[in-house]
Amino acid sequence: MVSSQHIERIVQHRMVQHLLFWLLSFYVLFRVFCTDDKYVETDLIYTFLFHISLVFLVYSNLNFLLPRYFKTKRYGRYIFGFAVVLALGTVLNHLTFQYLADWLFEGYYFISYYQWGDILEFTFTYMALSTLLHLSKSWFELNEKKKAINRLEREKLDAELLSLKSQINPHFLFNSLNNLYSLSLDQDKRLPDLLLRLSDNLRYMLYESGDNFVPLQKEIQFLENYIDLQRIRAPERVEIKFAVQGKIKDKTIAPLLLIHFVENAFKFGAKGSNTEAFVHINCEVQEDTFNFSIQNNKGKLAIPPKQGGGIGLSNTRKRLQLLYPNRHHLRIEDKEEQFKVFLTLTLSE
């Protein structure tokens, strides 16, 4: 049994397409030329002879005029060539019935039933039709190429995102385990609860953040767990604020997109000899816009993050470009005593 894909490959073959076109053309013109209910042999021969000039017109256009002038955007020369071939085709049609018919089919008497103007209408129709069919085929081929390019770009994007996530996960786990290790040395009674929070975050990273977009609610819960882990370890002098405003339900966001900024805030803001150490984080949803801001002091004993450096920041920038093209704005202010990040995203419902 012939499969649909096999039939599709046959139909897409150039020779098959041309054969189908001429068979259809022959049938249509035969019906036009056959004036009686019952056709005779002369009707078939007349239709064949009429097609000689039409074949000349179509392939002169397809194989010479279109590739040489139209595709190279020399439209003036194409129009001139179109008119010349049209005139030659019309003359050839007349000469076919005047001389060639008697030579090819001796014993038959053929005349051209049409005037010059009528023949010109036929020849112009076939010339215009061949141009339109060629342009439509080129459009479909271009569209298929664009789809293939978009599919390859999407596959590349997915591969890059997977690579970026694999770089984020070990980094976060390493920092969290270090924090919990310090608490275990102090035999802190809050360790079991913190382990559960870490377990929730690991579950989120391993099983729930596999998609390009996740519920915003889960991403914020992930940040809350992380902040609680850091809050226990941070000195009492560090002022930690985390605020969420607006309707976060039914909104989605790229997973693990904000964690790098939060990690850096605690890494560089909650350390050093400053007495006024702070980490302020704010998440706000306004309709389809998500505003994220984070501010932290720059501890004197800590080396502040550079605006353009670091694997984490580079990964975050790349993810924003891949997932939010023309739908995000990231501003980083690296001042003498403070480090600020402002991120605006257009969210998906």
Protein backbone atom coordinates (compact mmCIF):
# COMPACT_ATOMS: atom_id res chain seq x y z
CA MET A 1 0.00 0.00 0.00
CA VAL A 2 1.36 3.41 -1.02
CA SER A 3 1.84 5.72 1.94
CA SER A 4 0.82 9.38 2.00
CA GLN A 5 4.48 10.42 2.37
CA HIS A 6 5.37 8.45 -0.78
CA ILE A 7 2.56 10.14 -2.70
CA GLU A 8 3.69 13.53 -1.39
CA ARG A 9 7.25 12.92 -2.62
CA ILE A 10 5.93 11.94 -6.05
CA VAL A 11 3.73 15.03 -6.31
CA GLN A 12 6.60 17.28 -5.23
CA HIS A 13 8.81 15.95 -8.04
CA ARG A 14 9.35 18.66 -10.67
CA MET A 15 8.69 16.45 -13.71
CA VAL A 16 5.47 15.11 -12.20
CA GLN A 17 4.24 18.64 -11.50
CA HIS A 18 4.92 19.72 -15.08
CA LEU A 19 3.27 16.61 -16.48
CA LEU A 20 0.15 17.21 -14.36
CA PHE A 21 0.04 20.85 -15.47
CA TRP A 22 0.14 19.96 -19.18
CA LEU A 23 -2.39 17.14 -18.81
CA LEU A 24 -4.78 19.56 -17.13
CA SER A 25 -4.08 22.18 -19.79
CA PHE A 26 -4.68 19.68 -22.59
CA TYR A 27 -7.99 18.59 -21.06
CA VAL A 28 -9.26 22.17 -20.54
CA LEU A 29 -8.37 23.35 -24.05
CA PHE A 30 -9.70 20.15 -25.59
CA ARG A 31 -13.05 20.85 -23.96
CA VAL A 32 -12.88 24.42 -25.29
CA PHE A 33 -12.04 23.37 -28.86
CA CYS A 34 -14.47 20.44 -29.01
CA THR A 35 -17.72 22.04 -30.12
CA ASP A 36 -19.71 18.83 -30.56
CA ASP A 37 -20.95 16.44 -27.91
CA LYS A 38 -18.84 13.68 -29.45
CA TYR A 39 -15.20 14.44 -30.00
CA VAL A 40 -13.31 13.37 -33.11
CA GLU A 41 -9.65 12.68 -33.78
CA THR A 42 -9.11 16.11 -35.30
CA ASP A 43 -10.04 17.73 -31.96
CA LEU A 44 -7.20 15.91 -30.24
CA ILE A 45 -4.73 16.83 -32.98
CA TYR A 46 -5.85 20.47 -32.98
CA THR A 47 -5.38 20.68 -29.20
CA PHE A 48 -1.91 19.15 -29.54
CA LEU A 49 -0.89 21.63 -32.24
CA PHE A 50 -2.20 24.55 -30.21
CA HIS A 51 0.02 23.49 -27.30
CA ILE A 52 3.25 23.78 -29.32
CA SER A 53 3.32 27.57 -28.99
CA LEU A 54 2.15 27.38 -25.38
CA VAL A 55 5.02 25.05 -24.43
CA PHE A 56 7.46 27.46 -26.07
CA LEU A 57 6.00 30.37 -24.09
CA VAL A 58 5.95 28.66 -20.69
CA TYR A 59 9.48 27.25 -20.79
CA SER A 60 10.98 30.39 -22.28
CA ASN A 61 9.54 32.19 -19.29
CA LEU A 62 10.50 29.57 -16.68
CA ASN A 63 13.98 28.72 -17.94
CA PHE A 64 15.17 32.07 -19.29
CA LEU A 65 13.19 35.18 -18.37
CA LEU A 66 12.41 34.44 -14.71
CA PRO A 67 15.85 33.22 -13.57
CA ARG A 68 17.82 35.72 -15.67
CA TYR A 69 15.83 38.90 -15.13
CA PHE A 70 13.06 38.53 -12.54
CA LYS A 71 15.10 36.84 -9.81
CA THR A 72 17.91 39.34 -10.32
CA LYS A 73 15.34 42.16 -9.95
CA ARG A 74 15.90 43.50 -13.46
CA TYR A 75 12.19 44.01 -13.88
CA GLY A 76 12.39 46.36 -16.85
CA ARG A 77 14.26 43.78 -18.91
CA TYR A 78 11.88 41.08 -17.73
CA ILE A 79 8.85 43.04 -18.95
CA PHE A 80 10.56 43.67 -22.29
CA GLY A 81 11.50 39.99 -22.63
CA PHE A 82 7.96 39.02 -21.61
CA ALA A 83 6.54 41.11 -24.45
CA VAL A 84 9.03 39.72 -26.99
CA VAL A 85 8.33 36.08 -26.06
CA LEU A 86 4.61 36.79 -26.06
CA ALA A 87 4.82 38.14 -29.59
CA LEU A 88 6.96 35.23 -30.76
CA GLY A 89 4.53 32.72 -29.22
CA THR A 90 1.59 34.35 -30.94
CA VAL A 91 3.38 34.26 -34.30
CA LEU A 92 4.44 30.63 -33.69
CA ASN A 93 0.81 29.66 -33.05
CA HIS A 94 -0.20 31.19 -36.36
CA LEU A 95 2.68 29.53 -38.25
CA THR A 96 1.88 26.16 -36.67
CA PHE A 97 -1.51 26.01 -38.33
CA GLN A 98 -0.32 27.75 -41.47
CA TYR A 99 2.63 25.45 -42.26
CA LEU A 100 3.65 23.00 -39.50
CA ALA A 101 0.28 21.23 -39.24
CA ASP A 102 0.35 20.10 -42.89
CA TRP A 103 3.91 18.78 -42.47
CA LEU A 104 3.24 16.89 -39.24
CA PHE A 105 -0.20 15.52 -40.17
CA GLU A 106 -0.48 14.94 -43.90
CA GLY A 107 -4.00 14.40 -45.15
CA TYR A 108 -5.55 16.68 -42.54
CA TYR A 109 -6.57 20.21 -43.23
CA PHE A 110 -6.18 22.52 -40.26
CA ILE A 111 -6.73 26.24 -40.01
CA SER A 112 -6.48 28.56 -37.04
CA TYR A 113 -10.00 29.29 -35.87
CA TYR A 114 -8.85 32.29 -33.85
CA GLN A 115 -7.87 35.82 -34.76
CA TRP A 116 -4.58 37.40 -33.67
CA GLY A 117 -6.22 39.07 -30.70
CA ASP A 118 -7.76 35.81 -29.50
CA ILE A 119 -4.46 33.98 -29.80
CA LEU A 120 -2.77 36.78 -27.89
CA GLU A 121 -5.24 36.27 -25.04
CA PHE A 122 -4.35 32.58 -24.85
CA THR A 123 -0.60 33.21 -24.94
CA PHE A 124 -0.74 36.03 -22.39
CA THR A 125 -2.81 33.87 -20.02
CA TYR A 126 -0.25 31.05 -20.11
CA MET A 127 2.68 33.43 -19.69
CA ALA A 128 1.06 35.12 -16.70
CA LEU A 129 -0.03 31.78 -15.22
CA SER A 130 3.49 30.34 -15.45
CA THR A 131 4.87 33.42 -13.69
CA LEU A 132 2.31 33.22 -10.88
CA LEU A 133 2.83 29.48 -10.38
CA HIS A 134 6.59 29.97 -10.24
CA LEU A 135 6.29 32.78 -7.69
CA SER A 136 3.84 30.81 -5.54
CA LYS A 137 6.16 27.78 -5.57
CA SER A 138 9.10 30.00 -4.59
CA TRP A 139 7.04 31.45 -1.74
CA PHE A 140 6.15 27.99 -0.42
CA GLU A 141 9.77 26.87 -0.66
CA LEU A 142 10.92 30.00 1.18
CA ASN A 143 8.26 29.45 3.84
CA GLU A 144 9.40 25.84 4.34
CA LYS A 145 13.01 26.99 4.68
CA LYS A 146 11.98 29.56 7.29
CA LYS A 147 10.11 26.88 9.23
CA ALA A 148 13.17 24.62 9.11
CA ILE A 149 15.42 27.47 10.30
CA ASN A 150 13.01 28.33 13.12
CA ARG A 151 12.87 24.68 14.16
CA LEU A 152 16.68 24.47 14.25
CA GLU A 153 16.88 27.74 16.21
CA ARG A 154 14.31 26.40 18.70
CA GLU A 155 16.28 23.17 19.12
CA LYS A 156 19.43 25.20 19.65
CA LEU A 157 17.64 27.41 22.18
CA ASP A 158 16.39 24.37 24.11
CA ALA A 159 19.89 22.88 24.16
CA GLU A 160 21.38 26.15 25.40
CA LEU A 161 18.75 26.49 28.12
CA LEU A 162 19.43 22.96 29.29
CA SER A 163 23.13 23.75 29.44
CA LEU A 164 22.48 26.97 31.37
CA LYS A 165 20.26 25.19 33.90
CA SER A 166 22.88 22.51 34.44
CA GLN A 167 25.34 25.28 35.35
CA ILE A 168 22.90 26.92 37.78
CA ASN A 169 21.81 23.84 39.73
CA PRO A 170 25.24 22.66 41.03
CA HIS A 171 26.14 26.23 41.94
CA PHE A 172 23.01 26.67 44.06
CA LEU A 173 23.35 23.24 45.67
CA PHE A 174 26.98 23.84 46.56
CA ASN A 175 26.20 27.14 48.31
CA SER A 176 23.20 25.71 50.18
CA LEU A 177 25.08 22.65 51.43
CA ASN A 178 27.87 24.90 52.69
CA ASN A 179 25.31 26.88 54.69
CA LEU A 180 23.74 23.76 56.18
CA TYR A 181 27.13 22.30 56.97
CA SER A 182 27.91 25.35 59.06
CA LEU A 183 24.66 24.90 61.00
CA SER A 184 25.37 21.21 61.56
CA LEU A 185 28.69 22.09 63.17
CA ASP A 186 26.77 24.30 65.61
CA GLN A 187 24.18 21.52 66.11
CA ASP A 188 21.42 23.99 65.33
CA LYS A 189 17.94 22.56 66.11
CA ARG A 190 16.47 24.27 63.05
CA LEU A 191 18.53 22.13 60.71
CA PRO A 192 15.77 19.53 59.96
CA ASP A 193 13.35 22.26 58.85
CA LEU A 194 16.00 23.84 56.69
CA LEU A 195 16.79 20.48 55.13
CA LEU A 196 13.14 20.15 54.20
CA ARG A 197 13.22 23.56 52.58
CA LEU A 198 16.34 22.61 50.65
CA SER A 199 14.64 19.37 49.65
CA ASP A 200 11.65 21.34 48.30
CA ASN A 201 13.97 23.55 46.28
CA LEU A 202 15.91 20.61 44.89
CA ARG A 203 12.61 18.95 43.90
CA TYR A 204 11.61 22.13 42.13
CA MET A 205 14.90 22.35 40.25
CA LEU A 206 15.03 18.68 39.28
CA TYR A 207 11.41 17.92 38.46
CA GLU A 208 9.41 21.12 38.11
CA SER A 209 11.73 23.49 36.27
CA GLY A 210 12.21 21.35 33.18
CA ASP A 211 9.93 23.53 31.06
CA ASN A 212 10.87 26.88 29.64
CA PHE A 213 8.13 28.50 31.72
CA VAL A 214 6.70 27.60 35.14
CA PRO A 215 4.03 29.14 37.40
CA LEU A 216 5.28 32.38 38.92
CA GLN A 217 3.87 31.24 42.26
CA LYS A 218 6.29 28.29 42.39
CA GLU A 219 9.26 30.43 41.38
CA ILE A 220 8.52 32.89 44.20
CA GLN A 221 8.10 30.02 46.67
CA PHE A 222 11.50 28.79 45.54
CA LEU A 223 13.00 32.21 46.30
CA GLU A 224 11.27 32.34 49.71
CA ASN A 225 12.77 28.98 50.67
CA TYR A 226 16.19 30.11 49.57
CA ILE A 227 15.91 33.39 51.48
CA ASP A 228 14.82 31.54 54.63
CA LEU A 229 17.89 29.32 54.29
CA GLN A 230 20.08 32.41 54.05
CA ARG A 231 18.21 34.30 56.77
CA ILE A 232 19.17 31.67 59.38
CA ARG A 233 22.84 31.92 58.56
CA ALA A 234 23.03 35.70 58.14
CA PRO A 235 24.12 37.81 61.13
CA GLU A 236 21.38 39.56 63.10
CA ARG A 237 22.61 42.93 61.93
CA VAL A 238 21.65 42.13 58.32
CA GLU A 239 18.27 43.59 57.40
CA ILE A 240 16.48 41.17 55.04
CA LYS A 241 13.24 42.18 53.35
CA PHE A 242 11.27 40.22 50.80
CA ALA A 243 7.99 41.64 49.49
CA VAL A 244 5.55 40.29 46.91
CA GLN A 245 2.85 42.54 45.48
CA GLY A 246 0.13 42.06 42.89
CA LYS A 247 -1.66 39.03 41.49
CA ILE A 248 0.91 36.29 40.87
CA LYS A 249 -1.61 33.51 40.25
CA ASP A 250 -2.02 32.29 36.65
CA LYS A 251 1.24 33.97 35.62
CA THR A 252 4.30 32.16 34.28
CA ILE A 253 8.01 32.91 34.24
CA ALA A 254 11.24 31.25 33.16
CA PRO A 255 12.45 29.02 36.02
CA LEU A 256 15.59 29.82 38.01
CA LEU A 257 15.82 33.21 36.36
CA LEU A 258 16.14 35.36 39.51
CA ILE A 259 18.18 33.14 41.80
CA HIS A 260 21.55 34.45 40.62
CA PHE A 261 20.71 38.01 41.70
CA VAL A 262 19.49 36.79 45.10
CA GLU A 263 22.59 34.65 45.61
CA ASN A 264 24.88 37.57 44.84
CA ALA A 265 22.96 39.86 47.19
CA PHE A 266 23.57 37.55 50.13
CA LYS A 267 27.08 36.70 49.04
CA PHE A 268 28.29 40.28 48.78
CA GLY A 269 25.75 42.23 50.84
CA ALA A 270 25.51 40.15 54.00
CA LYS A 271 29.26 40.02 54.50
CA GLY A 272 31.93 42.48 55.50
CA SER A 273 32.34 44.85 58.40
CA ASN A 274 29.46 47.18 57.57
CA THR A 275 27.03 47.65 60.45
CA GLU A 276 24.20 48.58 58.06
CA ALA A 277 24.15 45.42 55.98
CA PHE A 278 20.91 44.80 54.10
CA VAL A 279 19.25 42.80 51.33
CA HIS A 280 15.97 44.21 50.02
CA ILE A 281 14.03 42.19 47.43
CA ASN A 282 10.75 43.23 45.84
CA CYS A 283 8.52 41.35 43.35
CA GLU A 284 5.58 43.17 41.85
CA VAL A 285 3.04 42.11 39.21
CA GLN A 286 1.08 44.75 37.30
CA GLU A 287 -1.24 43.09 34.77
CA ASP A 288 1.20 41.31 32.42
CA THR A 289 4.32 43.09 33.68
CA PHE A 290 6.62 41.65 36.32
CA ASN A 291 8.95 44.03 38.13
CA PHE A 292 11.81 42.59 40.15
CA SER A 293 14.25 44.69 42.12
CA ILE A 294 16.97 43.80 44.58
CA GLN A 295 19.31 46.05 46.52
CA ASN A 296 22.15 45.19 48.83
CA ASN A 297 25.02 46.96 50.49
CA LYS A 298 28.57 46.23 49.40
CA GLY A 299 30.47 44.86 52.36
CA LYS A 300 33.94 46.28 52.85
CA LEU A 301 35.51 42.85 53.11
CA ALA A 302 33.58 41.42 50.18
CA ILE A 303 34.51 41.75 46.53
CA PRO A 304 31.43 43.14 44.73
CA PRO A 305 30.21 41.46 41.54
CA LYS A 306 31.19 43.10 38.30
CA GLN A 307 28.39 44.32 36.08
CA GLY A 308 29.59 42.50 32.98
CA GLY A 309 31.31 39.49 34.50
CA GLY A 310 30.56 36.23 36.19
CA ILE A 311 29.16 33.01 34.78
CA GLY A 312 25.85 33.42 36.63
CA LEU A 313 25.14 36.90 35.31
CA SER A 314 26.23 35.93 31.81
CA ASN A 315 23.88 32.94 31.89
CA THR A 316 21.00 35.08 33.13
CA ARG A 317 21.53 37.64 30.39
CA LYS A 318 21.60 34.91 27.78
CA ARG A 319 18.41 33.30 29.07
CA LEU A 320 16.66 36.66 29.00
CA GLN A 321 17.69 37.16 25.38
CA LEU A 322 16.53 33.68 24.41
CA LEU A 323 13.23 33.57 26.30
CA TYR A 324 12.24 37.23 26.45
CA PRO A 325 13.42 38.82 23.19
CA ASN A 326 12.26 42.44 23.15
CA ARG A 327 10.19 41.66 26.27
CA HIS A 328 12.64 42.45 29.06
CA HIS A 329 14.68 45.28 30.45
CA LEU A 330 17.59 44.68 32.81
CA ARG A 331 19.36 47.56 34.55
CA ILE A 332 22.25 47.10 36.98
CA GLU A 333 23.59 49.92 39.12
CA ASP A 334 26.99 49.25 40.66
CA LYS A 335 27.59 52.12 43.06
CA GLU A 336 30.28 52.62 45.66
CA GLU A 337 28.24 51.36 48.63
CA GLN A 338 25.25 49.66 47.01
CA PHE A 339 24.49 47.21 44.26
CA LYS A 340 21.06 47.37 42.61
CA VAL A 341 19.31 45.25 40.02
CA PHE A 342 16.07 46.20 38.26
CA LEU A 343 14.41 43.70 35.92
CA THR A 344 11.13 44.14 34.02
CA LEU A 345 9.50 41.26 32.13
CA THR A 346 6.41 40.91 30.00
CA LEU A 347 4.86 37.72 31.36
CA SER A 348 2.86 34.98 29.67
CA GLU A 349 -0.60 34.05 30.91
